[in-house]
Amino acid sequence: MMKKPLLAFVVTLLCAQAVLAEDPPPAVTASAEQAQARQFGMYFGGTASQYDLCAKKGFLPKANQSAEEIAKSMLEKMPQSNLGADQMMYIQAGWDAIKKEISQNESFFTQEKCTGVGKEWAKIMAARKQK
């Protein structure tokens, strides 16, 4: 009795595999540079967005200028020779993606998490001053 449902399941899987095999795999359009730019945006912009959320919650000190404003200013000052023509678009896409995740998970940002965010933002600011 168990053999018929199992056989039906296996046949269904084989049919699905055959149908999927006819579809070509999706084209990969992002280059390594584009992927790196997106990851950089997620890290750099995401850290700034997290810092601002933690400051809003009272877990980190507020400054005259928000971390996001500082990050945007830093990006604007980067020499265009360091970025490809479309790199800024991918940096912003990464930042926008992570900012959405942050806003959907605000409760995750506790005092403990925000302490780590503050340390990471301090590292970014220290690296900025060294340049």
Protein backbone atom coordinates (compact mmCIF):
# COMPACT_ATOMS: atom_id res chain seq x y z
CA MET A 1 0.00 0.00 0.00
CA MET A 2 2.83 2.42 0.77
CA LYS A 3 4.48 1.72 -2.59
CA LYS A 4 1.79 3.44 -4.70
CA PRO A 5 1.90 6.84 -2.92
CA LEU A 6 5.69 6.70 -2.87
CA LEU A 7 5.79 5.84 -6.56
CA ALA A 8 3.39 8.70 -7.34
CA PHE A 9 5.57 11.10 -5.37
CA VAL A 10 8.74 9.98 -7.19
CA VAL A 11 7.03 10.30 -10.59
CA THR A 12 5.82 13.80 -9.65
CA LEU A 13 9.35 14.80 -8.66
CA LEU A 14 10.78 13.45 -11.89
CA CYS A 15 8.19 15.29 -13.96
CA ALA A 16 8.86 18.53 -12.10
CA GLN A 17 12.58 18.08 -12.60
CA ALA A 18 12.08 17.51 -16.33
CA VAL A 19 9.95 20.64 -16.64
CA LEU A 20 12.46 22.73 -14.70
CA ALA A 21 15.35 21.34 -16.73
CA GLU A 22 13.82 22.83 -19.87
CA ASP A 23 13.93 26.33 -18.38
CA PRO A 24 17.30 27.99 -18.77
CA PRO A 25 18.93 29.20 -15.53
CA PRO A 26 18.43 32.88 -14.79
CA ALA A 27 21.13 35.07 -16.24
CA VAL A 28 23.62 36.47 -13.81
CA THR A 29 23.81 40.17 -14.50
CA ALA A 30 25.76 41.52 -11.56
CA SER A 31 29.50 41.71 -11.93
CA ALA A 32 31.83 41.16 -9.03
CA GLU A 33 32.32 44.93 -8.74
CA GLN A 34 28.58 45.50 -8.62
CA ALA A 35 28.18 42.83 -5.95
CA GLN A 36 30.99 44.35 -3.90
CA ALA A 37 29.44 47.79 -4.22
CA ARG A 38 26.10 46.41 -3.01
CA GLN A 39 27.78 44.67 -0.08
CA PHE A 40 29.65 47.84 0.79
CA GLY A 41 26.37 49.76 0.78
CA MET A 42 24.81 47.17 3.06
CA TYR A 43 27.72 47.37 5.49
CA PHE A 44 28.50 51.08 5.43
CA GLY A 45 25.00 52.48 4.98
CA GLY A 46 23.50 49.73 7.10
CA THR A 47 25.78 50.53 10.00
CA ALA A 48 24.83 54.21 9.73
CA SER A 49 21.12 53.34 9.65
CA GLN A 50 21.50 51.02 12.63
CA TYR A 51 23.38 53.68 14.56
CA ASP A 52 20.63 56.23 13.94
CA LEU A 53 17.95 53.75 15.06
CA CYS A 54 19.91 52.96 18.23
CA ALA A 55 20.35 56.69 18.91
CA LYS A 56 16.62 57.22 18.39
CA LYS A 57 15.96 54.46 20.94
CA GLY A 58 18.32 56.16 23.40
CA PHE A 59 20.94 53.39 23.37
CA LEU A 60 23.63 55.46 21.62
CA PRO A 61 24.45 59.18 21.81
CA LYS A 62 22.92 61.50 19.24
CA ALA A 63 25.19 63.88 17.38
CA ASN A 64 24.53 67.15 15.59
CA GLN A 65 24.54 65.26 12.31
CA SER A 66 22.95 61.82 11.92
CA ALA A 67 25.12 58.85 11.01
CA GLU A 68 23.22 58.54 7.72
CA GLU A 69 23.98 62.16 6.87
CA ILE A 70 27.66 61.57 7.64
CA ALA A 71 27.69 58.42 5.51
CA LYS A 72 26.03 60.17 2.55
CA SER A 73 28.50 63.02 2.83
CA MET A 74 31.41 60.60 2.87
CA LEU A 75 30.10 58.83 -0.22
CA GLU A 76 29.66 62.11 -2.06
CA LYS A 77 33.27 63.05 -1.29
CA MET A 78 34.72 59.78 -2.57
CA PRO A 79 36.71 60.38 -5.73
CA GLN A 80 34.76 59.19 -8.74
CA SER A 81 37.89 57.41 -9.93
CA ASN A 82 37.45 54.99 -7.03
CA LEU A 83 33.93 54.16 -8.18
CA GLY A 84 32.78 52.89 -11.52
CA ALA A 85 30.13 54.85 -13.35
CA ASP A 86 27.32 52.77 -11.88
CA GLN A 87 28.91 51.77 -8.56
CA MET A 88 27.07 54.41 -6.57
CA MET A 89 23.76 52.98 -7.79
CA TYR A 90 24.71 49.55 -6.40
CA ILE A 91 25.97 51.03 -3.13
CA GLN A 92 22.62 52.78 -2.71
CA ALA A 93 20.70 49.61 -3.64
CA GLY A 94 22.54 47.68 -0.92
CA TRP A 95 21.93 50.43 1.60
CA ASP A 96 18.23 50.62 0.71
CA ALA A 97 17.84 46.84 1.02
CA ILE A 98 19.42 46.65 4.46
CA LYS A 99 17.60 49.77 5.65
CA LYS A 100 14.31 48.05 4.82
CA GLU A 101 15.38 45.00 6.83
CA ILE A 102 16.38 47.20 9.75
CA SER A 103 13.04 49.01 9.76
CA GLN A 104 11.17 45.70 9.69
CA ASN A 105 13.16 44.36 12.64
CA GLU A 106 13.49 47.35 14.96
CA SER A 107 12.73 45.24 18.04
CA PHE A 108 15.97 43.32 17.41
CA PHE A 109 17.96 46.42 18.33
CA THR A 110 18.43 46.10 22.06
CA GLN A 111 21.02 47.79 24.26
CA GLU A 112 23.39 44.88 23.68
CA LYS A 113 23.03 44.94 19.89
CA CYS A 114 23.35 48.72 19.82
CA THR A 115 26.59 48.57 21.80
CA GLY A 116 28.05 46.49 18.97
CA VAL A 117 26.67 48.90 16.37
CA GLY A 118 28.28 51.80 18.22
CA LYS A 119 31.65 50.05 18.23
CA GLU A 120 31.42 49.30 14.50
CA TRP A 121 30.45 52.89 13.68
CA ALA A 122 33.38 54.12 15.79
CA LYS A 123 35.72 51.92 13.70
CA ILE A 124 34.33 53.44 10.49
CA MET A 125 34.79 56.96 11.85
CA ALA A 126 38.35 56.17 13.01
CA ALA A 127 39.23 54.85 9.54
CA ARG A 128 37.74 58.01 8.03
CA LYS A 129 39.96 60.22 10.16
CA GLN A 130 43.08 58.25 9.23
CA LYS A 131 42.63 59.10 5.54
